[in-house]
Amino acid sequence: MKRIAVLFSVVLLVITLCGCNGDWEINLPGGFSIDRINSHHIALTKEGQFVINNFFVTSLQIHEPYVCIKGIETEGSSATEDEIRARDTVCYLLNTETDELAGPYENEEEFRAYCKEVGVVMDELWMPAGYKVSEQFKEVS
C-alpha cells in the first residue's frame, strides 16, 4: 500500500512539473498578449487584464502597430463547445501604440474596408490563435 502511495505521488509530481496543461501566451506589441487560459478561454489581455470581456480569440494578424483579431463573443468568460461551433465571428482592430480598439465588426468585408481606411493592408489568411508567433511569421505578414 505504501508503494502505491509513493508511486502515485511521483506520478502526480511528474505531471505537475511537466506543464502538460497546454496553456500559452503570444506576446504582442504594447504590452498586449493573447493568452490561452484553457481550451475554452483564449483572451486578449494587457498586463493581466482582459481587454475584451466574454470574447474567445480564434485568429489574428499582426501588422505593427496594429493587430487584427477575430473571435467569438461568448455568454460567459469561457466559450462552450456549442458557442465555438455555432457562433459567427466578429473582428476587432487594436492599435497597440494608442490602445484604441475598433469593433466589433460582424462582417469581415466591413472590417477589411475599415482596416484599409486606416492604412492596414491585411493578408488573405488569418493565423489561428493556437499558432505561436515567431519572428519568421512577423516577417511574412
N, C-alpha and C. Protein backbone atom coordinates (compact mmCIF):
# COMPACT_ATOMS: atom_id res chain seq x y z
N MET A 1 0.82 -1.19 0.00
CA MET A 1 0.00 0.00 0.00
C MET A 1 0.87 1.27 0.00
N LYS A 2 1.98 1.20 0.77
CA LYS A 2 2.89 2.35 0.84
C LYS A 2 3.53 2.60 -0.52
N ARG A 3 3.85 1.52 -1.26
CA ARG A 3 4.45 1.66 -2.59
C ARG A 3 3.49 2.34 -3.55
N ILE A 4 2.23 2.01 -3.45
CA ILE A 4 1.22 2.63 -4.32
C ILE A 4 1.14 4.13 -4.03
N ALA A 5 1.16 4.51 -2.77
CA ALA A 5 1.10 5.92 -2.39
C ALA A 5 2.33 6.67 -2.90
N VAL A 6 3.50 6.06 -2.79
CA VAL A 6 4.72 6.69 -3.27
C VAL A 6 4.69 6.81 -4.79
N LEU A 7 4.28 5.74 -5.48
CA LEU A 7 4.18 5.76 -6.93
C LEU A 7 3.19 6.83 -7.39
N PHE A 8 2.05 6.91 -6.73
CA PHE A 8 1.04 7.91 -7.06
C PHE A 8 1.62 9.32 -6.88
N SER A 9 2.36 9.54 -5.78
CA SER A 9 2.96 10.84 -5.52
C SER A 9 3.97 11.21 -6.59
N VAL A 10 4.79 10.26 -7.01
CA VAL A 10 5.78 10.51 -8.05
C VAL A 10 5.10 10.85 -9.37
N VAL A 11 4.08 10.10 -9.76
CA VAL A 11 3.35 10.37 -10.99
C VAL A 11 2.71 11.75 -10.94
N LEU A 12 2.10 12.09 -9.83
CA LEU A 12 1.47 13.40 -9.67
C LEU A 12 2.51 14.51 -9.77
N LEU A 13 3.68 14.31 -9.18
CA LEU A 13 4.75 15.30 -9.25
C LEU A 13 5.23 15.49 -10.69
N VAL A 14 5.40 14.41 -11.42
CA VAL A 14 5.85 14.48 -12.81
C VAL A 14 4.82 15.23 -13.65
N ILE A 15 3.56 14.92 -13.47
CA ILE A 15 2.51 15.60 -14.24
C ILE A 15 2.50 17.09 -13.92
N THR A 16 2.64 17.44 -12.66
CA THR A 16 2.65 18.84 -12.26
C THR A 16 3.85 19.59 -12.83
N LEU A 17 5.02 18.97 -12.81
CA LEU A 17 6.24 19.65 -13.26
C LEU A 17 6.36 19.74 -14.77
N CYS A 18 5.73 18.85 -15.50
CA CYS A 18 5.92 18.88 -16.96
C CYS A 18 5.09 19.95 -17.64
N GLY A 19 4.14 20.55 -16.94
CA GLY A 19 3.35 21.63 -17.53
C GLY A 19 2.54 21.16 -18.72
N CYS A 20 1.88 20.06 -18.59
CA CYS A 20 1.15 19.45 -19.70
C CYS A 20 -0.22 20.07 -19.93
N ASN A 21 -0.49 21.22 -19.35
CA ASN A 21 -1.83 21.79 -19.48
C ASN A 21 -2.06 22.47 -20.82
N GLY A 22 -1.00 22.75 -21.59
CA GLY A 22 -1.17 23.31 -22.93
C GLY A 22 -1.46 24.81 -22.96
N ASP A 23 -1.41 25.50 -21.83
CA ASP A 23 -1.64 26.93 -21.82
C ASP A 23 -0.43 27.64 -22.42
N TRP A 24 -0.66 28.79 -23.06
CA TRP A 24 0.41 29.52 -23.70
C TRP A 24 0.06 30.99 -23.77
N GLU A 25 1.02 31.78 -24.22
CA GLU A 25 0.85 33.22 -24.35
C GLU A 25 1.56 33.68 -25.62
N ILE A 26 0.91 34.53 -26.40
CA ILE A 26 1.53 35.16 -27.56
C ILE A 26 1.73 36.62 -27.20
N ASN A 27 2.97 37.04 -27.08
CA ASN A 27 3.26 38.42 -26.75
C ASN A 27 3.09 39.30 -27.98
N LEU A 28 2.39 40.40 -27.79
CA LEU A 28 2.13 41.36 -28.86
C LEU A 28 2.78 42.70 -28.48
N PRO A 29 2.92 43.59 -29.44
CA PRO A 29 3.48 44.92 -29.13
C PRO A 29 2.63 45.65 -28.09
N GLY A 30 3.23 46.61 -27.39
CA GLY A 30 2.48 47.47 -26.47
C GLY A 30 2.06 46.82 -25.18
N GLY A 31 2.65 45.68 -24.83
CA GLY A 31 2.28 45.00 -23.58
C GLY A 31 1.03 44.15 -23.68
N PHE A 32 0.49 43.99 -24.87
CA PHE A 32 -0.70 43.15 -25.06
C PHE A 32 -0.26 41.70 -25.26
N SER A 33 -1.18 40.78 -25.06
CA SER A 33 -0.90 39.38 -25.35
C SER A 33 -2.20 38.63 -25.60
N ILE A 34 -2.07 37.52 -26.31
CA ILE A 34 -3.16 36.57 -26.47
C ILE A 34 -2.82 35.43 -25.52
N ASP A 35 -3.68 35.18 -24.56
CA ASP A 35 -3.43 34.17 -23.52
C ASP A 35 -4.41 33.02 -23.64
N ARG A 36 -3.86 31.80 -23.74
CA ARG A 36 -4.70 30.61 -23.67
C ARG A 36 -4.79 30.23 -22.22
N ILE A 37 -5.94 30.51 -21.62
CA ILE A 37 -6.15 30.22 -20.21
C ILE A 37 -6.56 28.76 -20.05
N ASN A 38 -7.39 28.29 -20.96
CA ASN A 38 -7.75 26.87 -21.07
C ASN A 38 -8.37 26.67 -22.44
N SER A 39 -8.84 25.48 -22.74
CA SER A 39 -9.34 25.19 -24.09
C SER A 39 -10.60 25.96 -24.44
N HIS A 40 -11.24 26.58 -23.47
CA HIS A 40 -12.46 27.34 -23.73
C HIS A 40 -12.27 28.83 -23.48
N HIS A 41 -11.03 29.26 -23.28
CA HIS A 41 -10.81 30.67 -22.97
C HIS A 41 -9.45 31.11 -23.53
N ILE A 42 -9.48 31.75 -24.69
CA ILE A 42 -8.30 32.37 -25.28
C ILE A 42 -8.62 33.86 -25.35
N ALA A 43 -7.87 34.67 -24.60
CA ALA A 43 -8.25 36.06 -24.39
C ALA A 43 -7.18 37.04 -24.83
N LEU A 44 -7.63 38.24 -25.20
CA LEU A 44 -6.74 39.37 -25.43
C LEU A 44 -6.58 40.07 -24.09
N THR A 45 -5.32 40.22 -23.64
CA THR A 45 -5.08 40.85 -22.35
C THR A 45 -4.00 41.92 -22.48
N LYS A 46 -3.97 42.79 -21.50
CA LYS A 46 -2.88 43.75 -21.34
C LYS A 46 -2.55 43.80 -19.86
N GLU A 47 -1.32 43.46 -19.55
CA GLU A 47 -0.83 43.46 -18.18
C GLU A 47 -1.77 42.66 -17.26
N GLY A 48 -2.20 41.50 -17.75
CA GLY A 48 -3.03 40.60 -16.96
C GLY A 48 -4.51 40.93 -16.90
N GLN A 49 -4.94 42.00 -17.54
CA GLN A 49 -6.34 42.41 -17.53
C GLN A 49 -6.97 42.12 -18.89
N PHE A 50 -8.21 41.65 -18.88
CA PHE A 50 -8.91 41.38 -20.13
C PHE A 50 -9.20 42.69 -20.85
N VAL A 51 -8.92 42.72 -22.16
CA VAL A 51 -9.20 43.90 -22.97
C VAL A 51 -10.63 43.83 -23.50
N ILE A 52 -11.05 42.62 -23.90
CA ILE A 52 -12.41 42.40 -24.38
C ILE A 52 -13.01 41.33 -23.48
N ASN A 53 -14.06 41.66 -22.74
CA ASN A 53 -14.71 40.68 -21.88
C ASN A 53 -15.58 39.74 -22.70
N ASN A 54 -15.68 38.50 -22.23
CA ASN A 54 -16.55 37.50 -22.86
C ASN A 54 -16.25 37.36 -24.35
N PHE A 55 -14.99 37.12 -24.65
CA PHE A 55 -14.54 37.01 -26.03
C PHE A 55 -13.51 35.90 -26.13
N PHE A 56 -13.67 35.03 -27.13
CA PHE A 56 -12.78 33.89 -27.37
C PHE A 56 -12.04 34.16 -28.68
N VAL A 57 -10.72 34.40 -28.61
CA VAL A 57 -9.92 34.71 -29.79
C VAL A 57 -9.71 33.44 -30.62
N THR A 58 -10.05 33.50 -31.90
CA THR A 58 -9.86 32.35 -32.78
C THR A 58 -8.69 32.53 -33.74
N SER A 59 -8.42 33.78 -34.16
CA SER A 59 -7.33 34.02 -35.10
C SER A 59 -6.92 35.49 -35.07
N LEU A 60 -5.76 35.76 -35.66
CA LEU A 60 -5.26 37.13 -35.65
C LEU A 60 -4.30 37.36 -36.80
N GLN A 61 -4.03 38.64 -37.02
CA GLN A 61 -2.99 39.08 -37.96
C GLN A 61 -2.25 40.23 -37.28
N ILE A 62 -0.94 40.26 -37.46
CA ILE A 62 -0.13 41.30 -36.85
C ILE A 62 0.45 42.18 -37.95
N HIS A 63 0.12 43.47 -37.87
CA HIS A 63 0.63 44.48 -38.80
C HIS A 63 1.02 45.68 -37.94
N GLU A 64 2.18 45.58 -37.29
CA GLU A 64 2.57 46.56 -36.28
C GLU A 64 2.39 47.98 -36.77
N PRO A 65 1.78 48.85 -35.96
CA PRO A 65 1.39 48.65 -34.58
C PRO A 65 -0.02 48.06 -34.42
N TYR A 66 -0.61 47.59 -35.50
CA TYR A 66 -1.97 47.07 -35.44
C TYR A 66 -2.00 45.55 -35.29
N VAL A 67 -3.04 45.09 -34.61
CA VAL A 67 -3.33 43.66 -34.52
C VAL A 67 -4.79 43.48 -34.89
N CYS A 68 -5.03 42.66 -35.90
CA CYS A 68 -6.39 42.32 -36.32
C CYS A 68 -6.78 41.06 -35.54
N ILE A 69 -7.93 41.10 -34.89
CA ILE A 69 -8.33 40.00 -34.03
C ILE A 69 -9.71 39.51 -34.45
N LYS A 70 -9.83 38.20 -34.63
CA LYS A 70 -11.11 37.59 -34.97
C LYS A 70 -11.47 36.63 -33.84
N GLY A 71 -12.75 36.58 -33.49
CA GLY A 71 -13.15 35.69 -32.41
C GLY A 71 -14.64 35.57 -32.27
N ILE A 72 -15.03 34.98 -31.15
CA ILE A 72 -16.43 34.68 -30.86
C ILE A 72 -16.83 35.39 -29.58
N GLU A 73 -17.92 36.14 -29.64
CA GLU A 73 -18.47 36.72 -28.42
C GLU A 73 -19.18 35.60 -27.67
N THR A 74 -18.94 35.50 -26.36
CA THR A 74 -19.49 34.41 -25.57
C THR A 74 -20.45 34.93 -24.51
N GLU A 75 -21.26 34.02 -23.99
CA GLU A 75 -22.21 34.40 -22.93
C GLU A 75 -21.50 34.61 -21.60
N GLY A 76 -20.45 33.86 -21.37
CA GLY A 76 -19.69 33.97 -20.13
C GLY A 76 -18.22 34.18 -20.45
N SER A 77 -17.39 34.02 -19.43
CA SER A 77 -15.96 34.26 -19.64
C SER A 77 -15.30 33.17 -20.47
N SER A 78 -15.92 32.00 -20.56
CA SER A 78 -15.38 30.89 -21.35
C SER A 78 -16.38 30.48 -22.41
N ALA A 79 -15.87 30.07 -23.57
CA ALA A 79 -16.74 29.62 -24.66
C ALA A 79 -17.11 28.16 -24.45
N THR A 80 -18.38 27.85 -24.68
CA THR A 80 -18.80 26.46 -24.63
C THR A 80 -18.51 25.83 -26.00
N GLU A 81 -18.52 24.51 -26.05
CA GLU A 81 -18.31 23.82 -27.33
C GLU A 81 -19.33 24.27 -28.37
N ASP A 82 -20.60 24.41 -27.94
CA ASP A 82 -21.66 24.85 -28.86
C ASP A 82 -21.39 26.26 -29.39
N GLU A 83 -20.91 27.15 -28.52
CA GLU A 83 -20.61 28.51 -28.96
C GLU A 83 -19.46 28.51 -29.96
N ILE A 84 -18.46 27.71 -29.69
CA ILE A 84 -17.31 27.66 -30.60
C ILE A 84 -17.74 27.17 -31.97
N ARG A 85 -18.64 26.22 -32.02
CA ARG A 85 -19.11 25.66 -33.31
C ARG A 85 -20.13 26.55 -34.00
N ALA A 86 -21.04 27.18 -33.24
CA ALA A 86 -22.21 27.81 -33.83
C ALA A 86 -22.11 29.32 -34.02
N ARG A 87 -21.32 30.00 -33.22
CA ARG A 87 -21.30 31.45 -33.26
C ARG A 87 -20.60 31.99 -34.49
N ASP A 88 -21.13 33.07 -35.00
CA ASP A 88 -20.44 33.81 -36.06
C ASP A 88 -19.30 34.59 -35.43
N THR A 89 -18.26 34.77 -36.17
CA THR A 89 -17.12 35.51 -35.64
C THR A 89 -17.31 37.01 -35.83
N VAL A 90 -16.63 37.76 -34.98
CA VAL A 90 -16.57 39.21 -35.10
C VAL A 90 -15.10 39.61 -35.13
N CYS A 91 -14.82 40.82 -35.60
CA CYS A 91 -13.43 41.27 -35.74
C CYS A 91 -13.22 42.59 -34.99
N TYR A 92 -12.01 42.74 -34.48
CA TYR A 92 -11.57 43.97 -33.83
C TYR A 92 -10.23 44.38 -34.43
N LEU A 93 -9.96 45.68 -34.42
CA LEU A 93 -8.65 46.19 -34.80
C LEU A 93 -8.07 46.91 -33.59
N LEU A 94 -6.92 46.45 -33.14
CA LEU A 94 -6.25 47.01 -31.98
C LEU A 94 -5.03 47.80 -32.43
N ASN A 95 -4.96 49.07 -32.02
CA ASN A 95 -3.76 49.87 -32.23
C ASN A 95 -2.95 49.76 -30.94
N THR A 96 -1.83 49.05 -30.99
CA THR A 96 -1.06 48.79 -29.78
C THR A 96 -0.27 50.01 -29.29
N GLU A 97 -0.18 51.05 -30.11
CA GLU A 97 0.51 52.27 -29.67
C GLU A 97 -0.42 53.19 -28.89
N THR A 98 -1.71 53.23 -29.29
CA THR A 98 -2.65 54.15 -28.65
C THR A 98 -3.66 53.42 -27.76
N ASP A 99 -3.64 52.09 -27.76
CA ASP A 99 -4.59 51.24 -27.03
C ASP A 99 -6.02 51.37 -27.56
N GLU A 100 -6.18 51.97 -28.75
CA GLU A 100 -7.51 52.12 -29.35
C GLU A 100 -7.96 50.77 -29.90
N LEU A 101 -9.21 50.41 -29.57
CA LEU A 101 -9.80 49.16 -30.02
C LEU A 101 -11.04 49.48 -30.84
N ALA A 102 -11.03 49.17 -32.13
CA ALA A 102 -12.18 49.43 -33.01
C ALA A 102 -12.93 48.12 -33.22
N GLY A 103 -14.24 48.17 -33.08
CA GLY A 103 -15.06 46.98 -33.28
C GLY A 103 -16.08 46.83 -32.18
N PRO A 104 -16.85 45.80 -32.21
CA PRO A 104 -16.74 44.63 -33.08
C PRO A 104 -17.38 44.86 -34.45
N TYR A 105 -16.77 44.29 -35.45
CA TYR A 105 -17.31 44.27 -36.81
C TYR A 105 -17.86 42.87 -37.04
N GLU A 106 -19.15 42.79 -37.35
CA GLU A 106 -19.79 41.48 -37.54
C GLU A 106 -19.60 40.96 -38.95
N ASN A 107 -19.17 41.83 -39.85
CA ASN A 107 -18.98 41.46 -41.24
C ASN A 107 -17.51 41.67 -41.59
N GLU A 108 -16.84 40.62 -42.06
CA GLU A 108 -15.41 40.73 -42.35
C GLU A 108 -15.13 41.71 -43.49
N GLU A 109 -16.04 41.83 -44.44
CA GLU A 109 -15.84 42.80 -45.54
C GLU A 109 -15.80 44.22 -45.00
N GLU A 110 -16.71 44.56 -44.08
CA GLU A 110 -16.72 45.88 -43.46
C GLU A 110 -15.44 46.09 -42.64
N PHE A 111 -15.01 45.05 -41.96
CA PHE A 111 -13.78 45.14 -41.17
C PHE A 111 -12.58 45.40 -42.07
N ARG A 112 -12.49 44.67 -43.16
CA ARG A 112 -11.37 44.88 -44.10
C ARG A 112 -11.41 46.28 -44.70
N ALA A 113 -12.61 46.79 -44.97
CA ALA A 113 -12.74 48.16 -45.51
C ALA A 113 -12.25 49.18 -44.47
N TYR A 114 -12.61 48.98 -43.21
CA TYR A 114 -12.14 49.88 -42.15
C TYR A 114 -10.62 49.81 -42.04
N CYS A 115 -10.07 48.61 -42.07
CA CYS A 115 -8.61 48.45 -41.98
C CYS A 115 -7.92 49.20 -43.11
N LYS A 116 -8.48 49.09 -44.31
CA LYS A 116 -7.91 49.79 -45.47
C LYS A 116 -7.95 51.30 -45.26
N GLU A 117 -9.07 51.79 -44.67
CA GLU A 117 -9.23 53.22 -44.37
C GLU A 117 -8.11 53.75 -43.49
N VAL A 118 -7.71 52.95 -42.48
CA VAL A 118 -6.69 53.41 -41.54
C VAL A 118 -5.28 53.00 -41.96
N GLY A 119 -5.16 52.39 -43.16
CA GLY A 119 -3.85 52.08 -43.71
C GLY A 119 -3.30 50.70 -43.37
N VAL A 120 -4.15 49.80 -42.90
CA VAL A 120 -3.71 48.44 -42.59
C VAL A 120 -4.01 47.56 -43.79
N VAL A 121 -2.96 46.99 -44.38
CA VAL A 121 -3.14 46.08 -45.51
C VAL A 121 -3.14 44.67 -44.95
N MET A 122 -4.32 44.05 -44.97
CA MET A 122 -4.47 42.72 -44.37
C MET A 122 -4.07 41.62 -45.33
N ASP A 123 -3.65 40.50 -44.77
CA ASP A 123 -3.40 39.29 -45.54
C ASP A 123 -4.72 38.60 -45.81
N GLU A 124 -4.75 37.73 -46.78
CA GLU A 124 -5.97 36.97 -47.05
C GLU A 124 -6.25 35.95 -45.95
N LEU A 125 -5.18 35.32 -45.46
CA LEU A 125 -5.33 34.27 -44.46
C LEU A 125 -5.11 34.79 -43.06
N TRP A 126 -5.89 34.25 -42.11
CA TRP A 126 -5.73 34.57 -40.70
C TRP A 126 -4.87 33.50 -40.04
N MET A 127 -4.08 33.89 -39.05
CA MET A 127 -3.28 32.95 -38.29
C MET A 127 -4.13 32.42 -37.14
N PRO A 128 -4.31 31.10 -37.04
CA PRO A 128 -5.07 30.56 -35.90
C PRO A 128 -4.42 31.00 -34.59
N ALA A 129 -5.24 31.31 -33.59
CA ALA A 129 -4.72 31.80 -32.31
C ALA A 129 -3.82 30.78 -31.63
N GLY A 130 -3.94 29.51 -31.96
CA GLY A 130 -3.11 28.49 -31.36
C GLY A 130 -1.71 28.43 -31.93
N TYR A 131 -1.43 29.16 -32.99
CA TYR A 131 -0.12 29.16 -33.62
C TYR A 131 0.77 30.15 -32.88
N LYS A 132 1.88 29.70 -32.38
CA LYS A 132 2.79 30.58 -31.65
C LYS A 132 3.48 31.53 -32.63
N VAL A 133 3.44 32.81 -32.31
CA VAL A 133 4.05 33.81 -33.17
C VAL A 133 5.57 33.72 -33.08
N SER A 134 6.22 33.73 -34.21
CA SER A 134 7.68 33.73 -34.25
C SER A 134 8.14 34.93 -35.06
N GLU A 135 9.41 35.22 -34.98
CA GLU A 135 9.95 36.32 -35.77
C GLU A 135 9.76 36.04 -37.26
N GLN A 136 9.84 34.77 -37.66
CA GLN A 136 9.65 34.41 -39.07
C GLN A 136 8.24 34.80 -39.52
N PHE A 137 7.23 34.56 -38.67
CA PHE A 137 5.87 34.90 -39.06
C PHE A 137 5.73 36.41 -39.22
N LYS A 138 6.30 37.17 -38.30
CA LYS A 138 6.18 38.63 -38.37
C LYS A 138 6.78 39.15 -39.68
N GLU A 139 7.85 38.54 -40.14
CA GLU A 139 8.47 38.98 -41.40
C GLU A 139 7.58 38.66 -42.58
N VAL A 140 6.83 37.57 -42.50
CA VAL A 140 5.96 37.17 -43.60
C VAL A 140 4.74 38.07 -43.68
N SER A 141 4.19 38.47 -42.53
CA SER A 141 2.94 39.23 -42.53
C SER A 141 3.13 40.67 -42.78
